[in-house]
Amino acid sequence: MEQNCLICELGNAPESDVVFRDDLWAAEIVPGYDVPGWYFLRAQRHAEKITGLDEAERETFGKRAADLVAAVTEATGSEATYMLMFGEAFPHFHTLVTARTAEIPAERRGGDILKLRGERADLEQSRALVPAVRQAYEALVARDGSALGQKR
């Protein structure tokens, strides 16, 4: 854990915000990005940018990302689920997974979905959705046996 790293500090997030944690990866609701259906998928270890991932992290990232996107899509009924990666403000490697449901207007689709941070943030609704996303994620992992060091 890197001192003064907001993404590392997510390891202290309450259980109500956690979709999953394993030895390498975690997915949680993040303060300031607490729009229902939005989660950070992050490396557990402080790895800066995608280029800072080690071999095990690189080998498992795609599976974790695909499973989380599928779980979010299933639990929210989203028409599209985006995965965004920037890494400028917080260089600790993470992606933002966002559900884009049918009621999201056209002017908030694509990159403009980020404007929903100020318009639809709701921590309680976000937390209410976590159990369904967690259950969908765990079912995917159980179905294909990809639980590399699964813990929650």
N, C-alpha and C. Protein backbone atom coordinates (compact mmCIF):
# COMPACT_ATOMS: atom_id res chain seq x y z
N MET A 1 0.84 -1.18 0.00
CA MET A 1 0.00 0.00 0.00
C MET A 1 0.88 1.24 0.00
N GLU A 2 0.67 2.08 -0.97
CA GLU A 2 1.43 3.32 -1.11
C GLU A 2 0.77 4.41 -0.26
N GLN A 3 1.59 5.12 0.50
CA GLN A 3 1.06 6.19 1.33
C GLN A 3 0.51 7.30 0.43
N ASN A 4 -0.62 7.88 0.83
CA ASN A 4 -1.28 8.98 0.10
C ASN A 4 -1.80 8.57 -1.27
N CYS A 5 -2.09 7.30 -1.47
CA CYS A 5 -2.67 6.84 -2.73
C CYS A 5 -4.14 6.53 -2.50
N LEU A 6 -5.01 7.34 -3.09
CA LEU A 6 -6.45 7.15 -2.92
C LEU A 6 -6.89 5.75 -3.35
N ILE A 7 -6.31 5.24 -4.42
CA ILE A 7 -6.72 3.92 -4.93
C ILE A 7 -6.26 2.82 -3.96
N CYS A 8 -5.07 2.92 -3.41
CA CYS A 8 -4.63 1.95 -2.40
C CYS A 8 -5.56 1.97 -1.19
N GLU A 9 -6.01 3.15 -0.80
CA GLU A 9 -6.87 3.28 0.38
C GLU A 9 -8.22 2.60 0.20
N LEU A 10 -8.59 2.26 -1.03
CA LEU A 10 -9.84 1.55 -1.25
C LEU A 10 -9.83 0.17 -0.60
N GLY A 11 -8.66 -0.32 -0.27
CA GLY A 11 -8.55 -1.58 0.46
C GLY A 11 -9.23 -1.51 1.82
N ASN A 12 -9.50 -0.30 2.29
CA ASN A 12 -10.19 -0.09 3.56
C ASN A 12 -11.68 0.18 3.37
N ALA A 13 -12.17 0.04 2.16
CA ALA A 13 -13.59 0.31 1.88
C ALA A 13 -14.46 -0.65 2.68
N PRO A 14 -15.63 -0.19 3.11
CA PRO A 14 -16.52 -1.09 3.85
C PRO A 14 -17.02 -2.22 2.94
N GLU A 15 -17.35 -3.33 3.55
CA GLU A 15 -17.83 -4.51 2.82
C GLU A 15 -19.03 -4.18 1.93
N SER A 16 -19.83 -3.22 2.34
CA SER A 16 -21.01 -2.83 1.56
C SER A 16 -20.65 -2.23 0.21
N ASP A 17 -19.39 -1.83 0.03
CA ASP A 17 -18.92 -1.23 -1.22
C ASP A 17 -18.16 -2.20 -2.12
N VAL A 18 -17.94 -3.43 -1.65
CA VAL A 18 -17.05 -4.38 -2.32
C VAL A 18 -17.82 -5.40 -3.15
N VAL A 19 -17.47 -5.47 -4.43
CA VAL A 19 -18.01 -6.54 -5.29
C VAL A 19 -17.17 -7.79 -5.08
N PHE A 20 -15.85 -7.67 -5.19
CA PHE A 20 -14.96 -8.80 -4.92
C PHE A 20 -13.57 -8.28 -4.61
N ARG A 21 -12.81 -9.13 -3.95
CA ARG A 21 -11.38 -8.93 -3.75
C ARG A 21 -10.73 -10.29 -3.86
N ASP A 22 -9.62 -10.36 -4.58
CA ASP A 22 -8.82 -11.57 -4.58
C ASP A 22 -7.37 -11.15 -4.34
N ASP A 23 -6.44 -12.04 -4.53
CA ASP A 23 -5.06 -11.71 -4.22
C ASP A 23 -4.49 -10.59 -5.09
N LEU A 24 -5.00 -10.44 -6.32
CA LEU A 24 -4.45 -9.48 -7.26
C LEU A 24 -5.36 -8.30 -7.56
N TRP A 25 -6.66 -8.50 -7.51
CA TRP A 25 -7.63 -7.52 -7.98
C TRP A 25 -8.73 -7.26 -6.98
N ALA A 26 -9.36 -6.10 -7.10
CA ALA A 26 -10.52 -5.76 -6.29
C ALA A 26 -11.45 -4.89 -7.12
N ALA A 27 -12.73 -4.95 -6.79
CA ALA A 27 -13.73 -4.08 -7.43
C ALA A 27 -14.61 -3.50 -6.34
N GLU A 28 -14.72 -2.17 -6.32
CA GLU A 28 -15.46 -1.49 -5.27
C GLU A 28 -16.15 -0.24 -5.82
N ILE A 29 -17.13 0.22 -5.04
CA ILE A 29 -17.68 1.57 -5.23
C ILE A 29 -16.61 2.54 -4.75
N VAL A 30 -16.52 3.68 -5.41
CA VAL A 30 -15.52 4.66 -5.03
C VAL A 30 -16.19 6.01 -4.73
N PRO A 31 -15.89 6.60 -3.56
CA PRO A 31 -16.44 7.92 -3.25
C PRO A 31 -16.13 8.90 -4.39
N GLY A 32 -17.13 9.65 -4.77
CA GLY A 32 -16.96 10.60 -5.87
C GLY A 32 -17.33 10.01 -7.22
N TYR A 33 -17.40 8.69 -7.27
CA TYR A 33 -17.82 7.96 -8.48
C TYR A 33 -18.95 7.00 -8.13
N ASP A 34 -19.72 7.36 -7.12
CA ASP A 34 -20.73 6.46 -6.58
C ASP A 34 -22.08 6.59 -7.29
N VAL A 35 -22.01 6.49 -8.60
CA VAL A 35 -23.21 6.42 -9.42
C VAL A 35 -23.62 4.94 -9.44
N PRO A 36 -24.89 4.62 -9.24
CA PRO A 36 -25.29 3.21 -9.25
C PRO A 36 -24.83 2.50 -10.54
N GLY A 37 -24.14 1.37 -10.35
CA GLY A 37 -23.64 0.60 -11.48
C GLY A 37 -22.22 0.97 -11.89
N TRP A 38 -21.54 1.81 -11.11
CA TRP A 38 -20.16 2.21 -11.39
C TRP A 38 -19.23 1.59 -10.35
N TYR A 39 -18.12 1.00 -10.83
CA TYR A 39 -17.14 0.35 -9.94
C TYR A 39 -15.74 0.58 -10.47
N PHE A 40 -14.79 0.69 -9.57
CA PHE A 40 -13.38 0.67 -9.94
C PHE A 40 -12.91 -0.77 -9.88
N LEU A 41 -12.25 -1.23 -10.91
CA LEU A 41 -11.50 -2.48 -10.90
C LEU A 41 -10.06 -2.05 -10.75
N ARG A 42 -9.40 -2.49 -9.68
CA ARG A 42 -8.06 -1.99 -9.40
C ARG A 42 -7.11 -3.11 -9.01
N ALA A 43 -5.85 -2.89 -9.30
CA ALA A 43 -4.82 -3.80 -8.83
C ALA A 43 -4.73 -3.65 -7.32
N GLN A 44 -4.65 -4.76 -6.60
CA GLN A 44 -4.50 -4.70 -5.14
C GLN A 44 -3.16 -4.08 -4.76
N ARG A 45 -2.13 -4.43 -5.50
CA ARG A 45 -0.79 -3.91 -5.26
C ARG A 45 -0.70 -2.53 -5.91
N HIS A 46 0.09 -1.65 -5.35
CA HIS A 46 0.28 -0.34 -5.96
C HIS A 46 1.15 -0.50 -7.21
N ALA A 47 0.48 -0.57 -8.34
CA ALA A 47 1.16 -0.66 -9.64
C ALA A 47 0.78 0.59 -10.41
N GLU A 48 1.75 1.33 -10.86
CA GLU A 48 1.44 2.56 -11.56
C GLU A 48 1.23 2.30 -13.04
N LYS A 49 0.05 2.68 -13.49
CA LYS A 49 -0.38 2.55 -14.88
C LYS A 49 -0.39 1.08 -15.31
N ILE A 50 -0.90 0.83 -16.48
CA ILE A 50 -0.97 -0.55 -16.98
C ILE A 50 0.43 -1.11 -17.21
N THR A 51 1.37 -0.25 -17.51
CA THR A 51 2.75 -0.69 -17.75
C THR A 51 3.44 -1.14 -16.47
N GLY A 52 2.86 -0.80 -15.31
CA GLY A 52 3.45 -1.21 -14.04
C GLY A 52 2.94 -2.54 -13.51
N LEU A 53 2.00 -3.17 -14.24
CA LEU A 53 1.49 -4.47 -13.80
C LEU A 53 2.57 -5.53 -13.93
N ASP A 54 2.59 -6.47 -12.99
CA ASP A 54 3.53 -7.59 -13.09
C ASP A 54 2.90 -8.69 -13.97
N GLU A 55 3.62 -9.75 -14.18
CA GLU A 55 3.17 -10.81 -15.08
C GLU A 55 1.83 -11.42 -14.65
N ALA A 56 1.70 -11.72 -13.36
CA ALA A 56 0.45 -12.32 -12.88
C ALA A 56 -0.73 -11.38 -13.06
N GLU A 57 -0.51 -10.11 -12.80
CA GLU A 57 -1.58 -9.13 -12.97
C GLU A 57 -1.97 -8.99 -14.45
N ARG A 58 -0.98 -8.95 -15.32
CA ARG A 58 -1.28 -8.87 -16.76
C ARG A 58 -2.04 -10.10 -17.23
N GLU A 59 -1.66 -11.27 -16.73
CA GLU A 59 -2.31 -12.52 -17.16
C GLU A 59 -3.75 -12.64 -16.66
N THR A 60 -4.09 -11.99 -15.58
CA THR A 60 -5.44 -12.14 -15.01
C THR A 60 -6.35 -10.93 -15.24
N PHE A 61 -5.80 -9.82 -15.67
CA PHE A 61 -6.60 -8.61 -15.83
C PHE A 61 -7.77 -8.81 -16.79
N GLY A 62 -7.55 -9.38 -17.94
CA GLY A 62 -8.61 -9.54 -18.93
C GLY A 62 -9.78 -10.35 -18.39
N LYS A 63 -9.49 -11.42 -17.69
CA LYS A 63 -10.55 -12.27 -17.13
C LYS A 63 -11.34 -11.52 -16.06
N ARG A 64 -10.63 -10.85 -15.17
CA ARG A 64 -11.30 -10.09 -14.12
C ARG A 64 -12.17 -8.98 -14.73
N ALA A 65 -11.63 -8.28 -15.71
CA ALA A 65 -12.38 -7.20 -16.36
C ALA A 65 -13.62 -7.75 -17.07
N ALA A 66 -13.46 -8.83 -17.82
CA ALA A 66 -14.60 -9.41 -18.54
C ALA A 66 -15.67 -9.91 -17.57
N ASP A 67 -15.26 -10.55 -16.48
CA ASP A 67 -16.24 -11.05 -15.51
C ASP A 67 -16.97 -9.90 -14.81
N LEU A 68 -16.25 -8.82 -14.47
CA LEU A 68 -16.90 -7.70 -13.82
C LEU A 68 -17.86 -7.00 -14.78
N VAL A 69 -17.45 -6.78 -16.00
CA VAL A 69 -18.34 -6.16 -16.99
C VAL A 69 -19.59 -7.02 -17.19
N ALA A 70 -19.42 -8.32 -17.30
CA ALA A 70 -20.57 -9.22 -17.47
C ALA A 70 -21.49 -9.18 -16.25
N ALA A 71 -20.92 -9.15 -15.06
CA ALA A 71 -21.73 -9.11 -13.84
C ALA A 71 -22.49 -7.80 -13.72
N VAL A 72 -21.83 -6.69 -14.03
CA VAL A 72 -22.50 -5.38 -13.97
C VAL A 72 -23.62 -5.33 -15.00
N THR A 73 -23.36 -5.84 -16.20
CA THR A 73 -24.37 -5.85 -17.26
C THR A 73 -25.58 -6.68 -16.83
N GLU A 74 -25.32 -7.85 -16.28
CA GLU A 74 -26.41 -8.73 -15.85
C GLU A 74 -27.22 -8.11 -14.70
N ALA A 75 -26.54 -7.58 -13.71
CA ALA A 75 -27.21 -7.07 -12.52
C ALA A 75 -27.99 -5.77 -12.78
N THR A 76 -27.52 -4.98 -13.72
CA THR A 76 -28.17 -3.69 -13.98
C THR A 76 -29.09 -3.72 -15.19
N GLY A 77 -28.97 -4.76 -16.04
CA GLY A 77 -29.73 -4.80 -17.28
C GLY A 77 -29.27 -3.73 -18.26
N SER A 78 -28.03 -3.31 -18.13
CA SER A 78 -27.53 -2.23 -18.98
C SER A 78 -27.47 -2.62 -20.45
N GLU A 79 -27.72 -1.64 -21.29
CA GLU A 79 -27.62 -1.84 -22.74
C GLU A 79 -26.18 -1.86 -23.19
N ALA A 80 -25.33 -1.17 -22.43
CA ALA A 80 -23.89 -1.14 -22.69
C ALA A 80 -23.20 -0.98 -21.35
N THR A 81 -22.03 -1.55 -21.24
CA THR A 81 -21.22 -1.37 -20.04
C THR A 81 -19.85 -0.92 -20.52
N TYR A 82 -19.44 0.26 -20.07
CA TYR A 82 -18.19 0.86 -20.50
C TYR A 82 -17.08 0.53 -19.51
N MET A 83 -15.86 0.49 -20.02
CA MET A 83 -14.69 0.39 -19.16
C MET A 83 -13.74 1.50 -19.59
N LEU A 84 -13.48 2.42 -18.68
CA LEU A 84 -12.67 3.60 -18.96
C LEU A 84 -11.39 3.55 -18.16
N MET A 85 -10.30 3.98 -18.77
CA MET A 85 -9.02 3.99 -18.07
C MET A 85 -8.29 5.28 -18.41
N PHE A 86 -7.95 6.04 -17.39
CA PHE A 86 -7.22 7.28 -17.60
C PHE A 86 -5.87 7.22 -16.89
N GLY A 87 -5.86 7.26 -15.56
CA GLY A 87 -4.63 7.10 -14.79
C GLY A 87 -3.79 8.35 -14.62
N GLU A 88 -4.31 9.52 -14.98
CA GLU A 88 -3.53 10.74 -14.78
C GLU A 88 -3.63 11.24 -13.35
N ALA A 89 -4.85 11.40 -12.86
CA ALA A 89 -5.03 11.92 -11.50
C ALA A 89 -4.58 10.91 -10.46
N PHE A 90 -4.84 9.64 -10.71
CA PHE A 90 -4.47 8.56 -9.79
C PHE A 90 -3.72 7.50 -10.59
N PRO A 91 -2.40 7.54 -10.60
CA PRO A 91 -1.65 6.62 -11.46
C PRO A 91 -1.72 5.15 -11.05
N HIS A 92 -2.20 4.83 -9.85
CA HIS A 92 -2.39 3.44 -9.45
C HIS A 92 -3.33 2.80 -10.48
N PHE A 93 -2.94 1.64 -11.04
CA PHE A 93 -3.72 1.07 -12.13
C PHE A 93 -5.13 0.71 -11.69
N HIS A 94 -6.10 1.27 -12.41
CA HIS A 94 -7.51 0.98 -12.18
C HIS A 94 -8.29 1.32 -13.44
N THR A 95 -9.46 0.73 -13.55
CA THR A 95 -10.39 1.08 -14.61
C THR A 95 -11.73 1.40 -13.95
N LEU A 96 -12.50 2.22 -14.63
CA LEU A 96 -13.85 2.54 -14.18
C LEU A 96 -14.81 1.77 -15.06
N VAL A 97 -15.61 0.92 -14.45
CA VAL A 97 -16.63 0.15 -15.16
C VAL A 97 -17.95 0.85 -14.90
N THR A 98 -18.66 1.23 -15.96
CA THR A 98 -19.90 1.99 -15.82
C THR A 98 -21.02 1.33 -16.61
N ALA A 99 -22.13 1.12 -15.93
CA ALA A 99 -23.32 0.61 -16.59
C ALA A 99 -24.00 1.77 -17.31
N ARG A 100 -24.38 1.54 -18.56
CA ARG A 100 -25.14 2.55 -19.32
C ARG A 100 -26.50 1.94 -19.60
N THR A 101 -27.45 2.27 -18.74
CA THR A 101 -28.79 1.71 -18.84
C THR A 101 -29.62 2.51 -19.84
N ALA A 102 -30.78 1.98 -20.18
CA ALA A 102 -31.63 2.55 -21.22
C ALA A 102 -32.06 3.98 -20.91
N GLU A 103 -32.24 4.32 -19.63
CA GLU A 103 -32.73 5.66 -19.31
C GLU A 103 -31.66 6.75 -19.39
N ILE A 104 -30.42 6.37 -19.62
CA ILE A 104 -29.36 7.36 -19.78
C ILE A 104 -29.58 8.07 -21.12
N PRO A 105 -29.75 9.39 -21.11
CA PRO A 105 -30.03 10.10 -22.36
C PRO A 105 -28.84 10.08 -23.31
N ALA A 106 -29.12 10.25 -24.58
CA ALA A 106 -28.09 10.20 -25.63
C ALA A 106 -26.94 11.16 -25.34
N GLU A 107 -27.23 12.32 -24.77
CA GLU A 107 -26.16 13.29 -24.51
C GLU A 107 -25.27 12.90 -23.33
N ARG A 108 -25.56 11.77 -22.68
CA ARG A 108 -24.72 11.27 -21.59
C ARG A 108 -24.12 9.91 -21.94
N ARG A 109 -24.09 9.58 -23.20
CA ARG A 109 -23.51 8.31 -23.63
C ARG A 109 -22.08 8.54 -24.11
N GLY A 110 -21.35 7.44 -24.31
CA GLY A 110 -19.94 7.58 -24.69
C GLY A 110 -19.18 8.27 -23.57
N GLY A 111 -18.20 9.07 -23.92
CA GLY A 111 -17.38 9.75 -22.92
C GLY A 111 -18.15 10.70 -22.03
N ASP A 112 -19.30 11.19 -22.51
CA ASP A 112 -20.10 12.10 -21.70
C ASP A 112 -20.78 11.40 -20.52
N ILE A 113 -20.66 10.09 -20.44
CA ILE A 113 -21.22 9.39 -19.28
C ILE A 113 -20.59 9.88 -17.98
N LEU A 114 -19.36 10.37 -18.06
CA LEU A 114 -18.69 10.85 -16.84
C LEU A 114 -19.39 12.05 -16.22
N LYS A 115 -20.19 12.77 -17.00
CA LYS A 115 -20.93 13.90 -16.45
C LYS A 115 -21.97 13.45 -15.43
N LEU A 116 -22.30 12.16 -15.45
CA LEU A 116 -23.26 11.63 -14.48
C LEU A 116 -22.72 11.65 -13.05
N ARG A 117 -21.42 11.79 -12.89
CA ARG A 117 -20.84 11.88 -11.54
C ARG A 117 -21.53 12.97 -10.74
N GLY A 118 -21.75 14.10 -11.36
CA GLY A 118 -22.37 15.22 -10.66
C GLY A 118 -23.89 15.20 -10.69
N GLU A 119 -24.45 14.36 -11.52
CA GLU A 119 -25.89 14.35 -11.72
C GLU A 119 -26.61 13.17 -11.06
N ARG A 120 -25.93 12.04 -10.92
CA ARG A 120 -26.62 10.84 -10.43
C ARG A 120 -25.90 10.11 -9.31
N ALA A 121 -24.94 10.74 -8.69
CA ALA A 121 -24.26 10.08 -7.57
C ALA A 121 -25.26 9.81 -6.46
N ASP A 122 -25.24 8.59 -5.95
CA ASP A 122 -26.15 8.20 -4.88
C ASP A 122 -25.55 6.98 -4.18
N LEU A 123 -24.88 7.23 -3.09
CA LEU A 123 -24.17 6.15 -2.39
C LEU A 123 -25.11 5.05 -1.93
N GLU A 124 -26.26 5.40 -1.42
CA GLU A 124 -27.19 4.37 -0.93
C GLU A 124 -27.69 3.48 -2.06
N GLN A 125 -28.06 4.07 -3.20
CA GLN A 125 -28.49 3.26 -4.34
C GLN A 125 -27.34 2.42 -4.88
N SER A 126 -26.14 2.99 -4.86
CA SER A 126 -24.96 2.23 -5.30
C SER A 126 -24.74 1.02 -4.42
N ARG A 127 -24.81 1.22 -3.12
CA ARG A 127 -24.62 0.11 -2.18
C ARG A 127 -25.74 -0.92 -2.30
N ALA A 128 -26.95 -0.48 -2.58
CA ALA A 128 -28.08 -1.42 -2.72
C ALA A 128 -27.88 -2.34 -3.91
N LEU A 129 -27.12 -1.92 -4.90
CA LEU A 129 -26.88 -2.71 -6.10
C LEU A 129 -25.72 -3.71 -5.95
N VAL A 130 -24.83 -3.46 -5.00
CA VAL A 130 -23.64 -4.31 -4.83
C VAL A 130 -23.98 -5.79 -4.66
N PRO A 131 -24.94 -6.19 -3.81
CA PRO A 131 -25.20 -7.62 -3.66
C PRO A 131 -25.56 -8.32 -4.98
N ALA A 132 -26.33 -7.67 -5.83
CA ALA A 132 -26.70 -8.29 -7.11
C ALA A 132 -25.49 -8.41 -8.04
N VAL A 133 -24.63 -7.40 -8.05
CA VAL A 133 -23.41 -7.47 -8.88
C VAL A 133 -22.48 -8.53 -8.32
N ARG A 134 -22.33 -8.57 -7.00
CA ARG A 134 -21.48 -9.56 -6.34
C ARG A 134 -21.96 -10.98 -6.66
N GLN A 135 -23.27 -11.19 -6.56
CA GLN A 135 -23.83 -12.52 -6.83
C GLN A 135 -23.60 -12.91 -8.30
N ALA A 136 -23.81 -11.99 -9.22
CA ALA A 136 -23.58 -12.27 -10.64
C ALA A 136 -22.10 -12.57 -10.89
N TYR A 137 -21.22 -11.82 -10.25
CA TYR A 137 -19.78 -12.04 -10.41
C TYR A 137 -19.39 -13.42 -9.86
N GLU A 138 -19.85 -13.73 -8.67
CA GLU A 138 -19.50 -15.01 -8.05
C GLU A 138 -20.04 -16.18 -8.87
N ALA A 139 -21.21 -16.03 -9.46
CA ALA A 139 -21.76 -17.09 -10.31
C ALA A 139 -20.91 -17.30 -11.55
N LEU A 140 -20.42 -16.23 -12.15
CA LEU A 140 -19.53 -16.35 -13.31
C LEU A 140 -18.24 -17.07 -12.94
N VAL A 141 -17.66 -16.67 -11.82
CA VAL A 141 -16.41 -17.27 -11.37
C VAL A 141 -16.60 -18.75 -11.06
N ALA A 142 -17.71 -19.09 -10.38
CA ALA A 142 -17.98 -20.49 -10.05
C ALA A 142 -18.20 -21.33 -11.30
N ARG A 143 -18.87 -20.75 -12.29
CA ARG A 143 -19.18 -21.46 -13.53
C ARG A 143 -17.92 -21.84 -14.31
N ASP A 144 -16.94 -20.92 -14.32
CA ASP A 144 -15.75 -21.20 -15.13
C ASP A 144 -14.50 -21.48 -14.30
N GLY A 145 -14.64 -21.52 -12.98
CA GLY A 145 -13.51 -21.90 -12.12
C GLY A 145 -12.36 -20.93 -12.12
N SER A 146 -12.63 -19.63 -12.25
CA SER A 146 -11.54 -18.66 -12.32
C SER A 146 -11.29 -17.93 -11.03
N ALA A 147 -11.48 -18.58 -9.91
CA ALA A 147 -11.37 -17.92 -8.61
C ALA A 147 -9.94 -17.89 -8.08
N LEU A 148 -9.04 -17.27 -8.77
CA LEU A 148 -7.65 -17.18 -8.34
C LEU A 148 -7.53 -16.47 -7.00
N GLY A 149 -7.42 -17.21 -5.93
CA GLY A 149 -7.26 -16.62 -4.62
C GLY A 149 -8.44 -15.78 -4.18
N GLN A 150 -9.64 -16.16 -4.59
CA GLN A 150 -10.85 -15.38 -4.30
C GLN A 150 -11.01 -15.17 -2.80
N LYS A 151 -11.22 -13.95 -2.43
CA LYS A 151 -11.60 -13.58 -1.06
C LYS A 151 -12.46 -12.37 -1.18
N ARG A 152 -13.24 -12.10 -0.20
CA ARG A 152 -14.09 -10.91 -0.28
C ARG A 152 -13.98 -10.09 0.92
